Amino acid sequence: MIQINRRPAAHIDTGFLRCNRDSEIMAHLVWKTELNTGIHEIDAQHQRIAQYINALDDARQTNDQRAVGRIIEETIDYTASHFAFEEAMLEDAGYPFSTPHKKVHEIFVRRVVEFRTRFERGESVLGELHDMLYRWLFNHIRHEDGAYVATVKAHLHATDSSAERIVKAQVGRELQQGRAGVQAKQGWLKRLFGA
């Protein structure tokens, strides 16, 4: 678990995420309930992503480049896991726009990987990366994720289940069936991130 340092700060309220901003360019995000989708698993994952964004700022404050690199990697890994979970949930719920939603995720992953590459080359990308992550999280939750909430909640209610249980069941079925796509999915993260 990443430790997040809290420091005294002025508050900027965007209506959804409140930013604790000090004299530096970056700002800490404080989760506001208006961003909750009402789907527990998704809300918890979104809050975790906000914690990674704050941890990135904390590492920058200490000028610990190794910690920054580690946090960038953890952010990429966790976000990819979240996307896989969310995409499986949308597919299971029969959300009609799951393919475009997945494309938005793919574009985001490519952008973050580009930032990682620039960081590894020694470029100063932290302010730009933090700003992009903040804006993306805020806009993605409000727009793309907000669009699927009714469909997923109706599906969860109809199946009297949780998103986590549905996704686990779907992955289990795929593994038992030995579908070729499952092997491709398992290797996707390794190929994409070079792990």
Protein backbone atom coordinates (compact mmCIF):
# COMPACT_ATOMS: atom_id res chain seq x y z
CA MET A 1 0.00 0.00 0.00
CA ILE A 2 1.33 3.41 -0.89
CA GLN A 3 1.61 5.85 1.99
CA ILE A 4 0.13 9.22 1.14
CA ASN A 5 1.59 12.23 2.92
CA ARG A 6 -0.92 14.91 3.74
CA ARG A 7 0.35 18.45 3.99
CA PRO A 8 -1.44 21.68 4.82
CA ALA A 9 -2.90 23.15 1.68
CA ALA A 10 -5.46 25.48 0.21
CA HIS A 11 -8.51 23.83 -1.33
CA ILE A 12 -9.73 24.08 -4.89
CA ASP A 13 -13.15 22.54 -5.39
CA THR A 14 -14.03 21.34 -8.89
CA GLY A 15 -17.43 20.14 -7.76
CA PHE A 16 -16.37 16.51 -7.96
CA LEU A 17 -12.75 16.18 -6.88
CA ARG A 18 -11.37 18.62 -4.38
CA CYS A 19 -7.72 19.44 -4.91
CA ASN A 20 -5.41 20.25 -2.05
CA ARG A 21 -3.01 22.62 -3.70
CA ASP A 22 0.10 24.11 -2.19
CA SER A 23 2.52 26.53 -3.83
CA GLU A 24 3.61 23.82 -6.27
CA ILE A 25 1.95 23.00 -9.57
CA MET A 26 0.58 19.60 -8.53
CA ALA A 27 -2.43 19.06 -6.32
CA HIS A 28 -3.66 16.31 -4.04
CA LEU A 29 -7.00 14.84 -4.95
CA VAL A 30 -9.59 14.32 -2.26
CA TRP A 31 -12.40 12.01 -3.31
CA LYS A 32 -15.90 13.45 -3.26
CA THR A 33 -18.97 11.26 -3.18
CA GLU A 34 -20.39 12.94 -6.30
CA LEU A 35 -17.92 10.83 -8.30
CA ASN A 36 -19.27 7.54 -6.96
CA THR A 37 -21.00 5.39 -9.54
CA GLY A 38 -22.89 3.44 -6.89
CA ILE A 39 -21.07 0.27 -7.97
CA HIS A 40 -18.95 -0.51 -4.91
CA GLU A 41 -16.10 -2.34 -6.65
CA ILE A 42 -15.71 0.34 -9.32
CA ASP A 43 -15.85 3.20 -6.80
CA ALA A 44 -13.17 1.56 -4.65
CA GLN A 45 -10.95 1.06 -7.70
CA HIS A 46 -11.41 4.67 -8.84
CA GLN A 47 -10.49 5.89 -5.36
CA ARG A 48 -7.36 3.74 -5.47
CA ILE A 49 -6.35 5.34 -8.76
CA ALA A 50 -6.75 8.76 -7.13
CA GLN A 51 -4.41 7.55 -4.34
CA TYR A 52 -1.80 6.61 -6.94
CA ILE A 53 -2.05 10.09 -8.43
CA ASN A 54 -1.48 11.58 -4.97
CA ALA A 55 1.43 9.20 -4.32
CA LEU A 56 3.03 10.42 -7.53
CA ASP A 57 2.89 13.96 -6.18
CA ASP A 58 4.31 12.84 -2.83
CA ALA A 59 7.26 11.12 -4.53
CA ARG A 60 7.89 14.22 -6.61
CA GLN A 61 7.98 16.32 -3.46
CA THR A 62 10.82 14.17 -2.08
CA ASN A 63 12.59 14.14 -5.48
CA ASP A 64 12.91 10.35 -5.22
CA GLN A 65 13.18 9.32 -8.87
CA ARG A 66 13.21 5.61 -8.06
CA ALA A 67 9.95 5.98 -6.12
CA VAL A 68 8.45 8.00 -8.98
CA GLY A 69 9.35 5.25 -11.45
CA ARG A 70 7.88 2.58 -9.16
CA ILE A 71 4.67 4.56 -8.70
CA ILE A 72 4.32 5.07 -12.46
CA GLU A 73 4.68 1.30 -12.94
CA GLU A 74 2.20 0.53 -10.16
CA THR A 75 -0.26 3.05 -11.60
CA ILE A 76 -0.03 1.43 -15.03
CA ASP A 77 -0.44 -2.05 -13.58
CA TYR A 78 -3.34 -1.18 -11.30
CA THR A 79 -5.14 0.84 -13.97
CA ALA A 80 -4.79 -2.02 -16.48
CA SER A 81 -6.29 -4.38 -13.87
CA HIS A 82 -9.14 -1.96 -13.26
CA PHE A 83 -9.79 -1.66 -16.99
CA ALA A 84 -9.86 -5.43 -17.43
CA PHE A 85 -12.29 -5.75 -14.52
CA GLU A 86 -14.51 -2.95 -15.81
CA GLU A 87 -14.51 -4.23 -19.39
CA ALA A 88 -15.47 -7.76 -18.28
CA MET A 89 -18.25 -6.28 -16.15
CA LEU A 90 -19.57 -4.23 -19.09
CA GLU A 91 -19.47 -7.22 -21.39
CA ASP A 92 -21.32 -9.38 -18.89
CA ALA A 93 -23.96 -6.66 -18.41
CA GLY A 94 -24.47 -6.42 -22.17
CA TYR A 95 -23.51 -2.74 -22.28
CA PRO A 96 -23.92 -1.78 -25.97
CA PHE A 97 -20.96 0.62 -26.00
CA SER A 98 -18.40 -1.65 -24.37
CA THR A 99 -16.18 -1.71 -27.49
CA PRO A 100 -15.82 2.10 -27.70
CA HIS A 101 -15.31 2.19 -23.92
CA LYS A 102 -12.47 -0.30 -24.29
CA LYS A 103 -10.92 1.87 -27.03
CA VAL A 104 -10.90 4.84 -24.64
CA HIS A 105 -9.04 2.65 -22.13
CA GLU A 106 -6.51 1.60 -24.78
CA ILE A 107 -5.81 5.23 -25.73
CA PHE A 108 -5.28 6.09 -22.06
CA VAL A 109 -2.85 3.19 -21.54
CA ARG A 110 -0.83 4.24 -24.59
CA ARG A 111 -0.59 7.80 -23.27
CA VAL A 112 0.61 6.69 -19.84
CA VAL A 113 3.13 4.28 -21.38
CA GLU A 114 4.45 7.21 -23.45
CA PHE A 115 4.91 9.21 -20.24
CA ARG A 116 6.76 6.28 -18.69
CA THR A 117 9.07 6.08 -21.70
CA ARG A 118 9.78 9.81 -21.54
CA PHE A 119 10.42 9.55 -17.78
CA GLU A 120 12.85 6.67 -18.36
CA ARG A 121 14.73 8.85 -20.88
CA GLY A 122 15.20 11.41 -18.13
CA GLU A 123 12.56 13.91 -19.21
CA SER A 124 10.72 15.89 -16.56
CA VAL A 125 7.15 14.69 -17.10
CA LEU A 126 5.68 14.62 -13.59
CA GLY A 127 3.65 17.83 -13.71
CA GLU A 128 2.28 16.98 -17.14
CA LEU A 129 1.57 13.35 -16.17
CA HIS A 130 -0.15 14.33 -12.92
CA ASP A 131 -2.31 16.89 -14.73
CA MET A 132 -3.26 14.40 -17.45
CA LEU A 133 -4.11 11.67 -14.91
CA TYR A 134 -6.23 14.06 -12.85
CA ARG A 135 -8.15 15.42 -15.87
CA TRP A 136 -8.59 11.97 -17.37
CA LEU A 137 -9.87 10.38 -14.15
CA PHE A 138 -12.33 13.21 -13.53
CA ASN A 139 -13.67 13.30 -17.10
CA HIS A 140 -13.67 9.54 -17.65
CA ILE A 141 -15.69 8.84 -14.51
CA ARG A 142 -18.19 11.62 -15.23
CA HIS A 143 -18.72 10.80 -18.90
CA GLU A 144 -17.70 7.33 -20.11
CA ASP A 145 -18.21 5.53 -16.81
CA GLY A 146 -21.33 7.52 -15.99
CA ALA A 147 -22.86 6.30 -19.24
CA TYR A 148 -22.75 2.61 -18.26
CA VAL A 149 -23.97 2.90 -14.68
CA ALA A 150 -27.69 2.36 -15.39
CA THR A 151 -27.03 -0.72 -17.55
CA VAL A 152 -24.66 -2.32 -15.07
CA LYS A 153 -26.82 -1.55 -12.03
CA ALA A 154 -29.86 -3.04 -13.77
CA HIS A 155 -27.84 -6.16 -14.57
CA LEU A 156 -26.52 -6.45 -11.03
CA HIS A 157 -30.02 -6.02 -9.65
CA ALA A 158 -31.48 -8.58 -12.08
CA THR A 159 -28.80 -11.13 -11.20
CA ASP A 160 -28.82 -10.19 -7.50
CA SER A 161 -25.05 -10.16 -7.55
CA SER A 162 -22.01 -7.95 -7.18
CA ALA A 163 -19.81 -6.80 -10.02
CA GLU A 164 -16.86 -8.66 -8.50
CA ARG A 165 -18.73 -11.96 -8.31
CA ILE A 166 -20.00 -11.61 -11.90
CA VAL A 167 -16.54 -10.86 -13.30
CA LYS A 168 -14.92 -13.70 -11.33
CA ALA A 169 -17.57 -16.09 -12.63
CA GLN A 170 -17.03 -14.94 -16.21
CA VAL A 171 -13.25 -15.34 -16.00
CA GLY A 172 -13.70 -18.76 -14.36
CA ARG A 173 -16.00 -19.90 -17.18
CA GLU A 174 -13.49 -18.75 -19.79
CA LEU A 175 -10.64 -20.55 -18.05
CA GLN A 176 -12.64 -23.76 -17.73
CA GLN A 177 -13.61 -23.63 -21.40
CA GLY A 178 -9.98 -23.11 -22.34
CA ARG A 179 -10.86 -20.48 -24.90
CA ALA A 180 -7.93 -19.26 -27.01
CA GLY A 181 -8.82 -15.69 -26.15
CA VAL A 182 -8.09 -16.30 -22.48
CA GLN A 183 -4.47 -17.13 -23.22
CA ALA A 184 -4.22 -13.98 -25.31
CA LYS A 185 -5.74 -11.95 -22.46
CA GLN A 186 -3.30 -13.41 -19.94
CA GLY A 187 -0.30 -12.45 -22.09
CA TRP A 188 -1.67 -9.05 -23.06
CA LEU A 189 -0.40 -7.20 -19.98
CA LYS A 190 3.02 -8.82 -20.27
CA ARG A 191 3.33 -7.88 -23.94
CA LEU A 192 2.00 -4.36 -23.43
CA PHE A 193 4.13 -3.45 -20.44
CA GLY A 194 7.14 -5.67 -21.07
CA ALA A 195 6.68 -7.48 -17.75
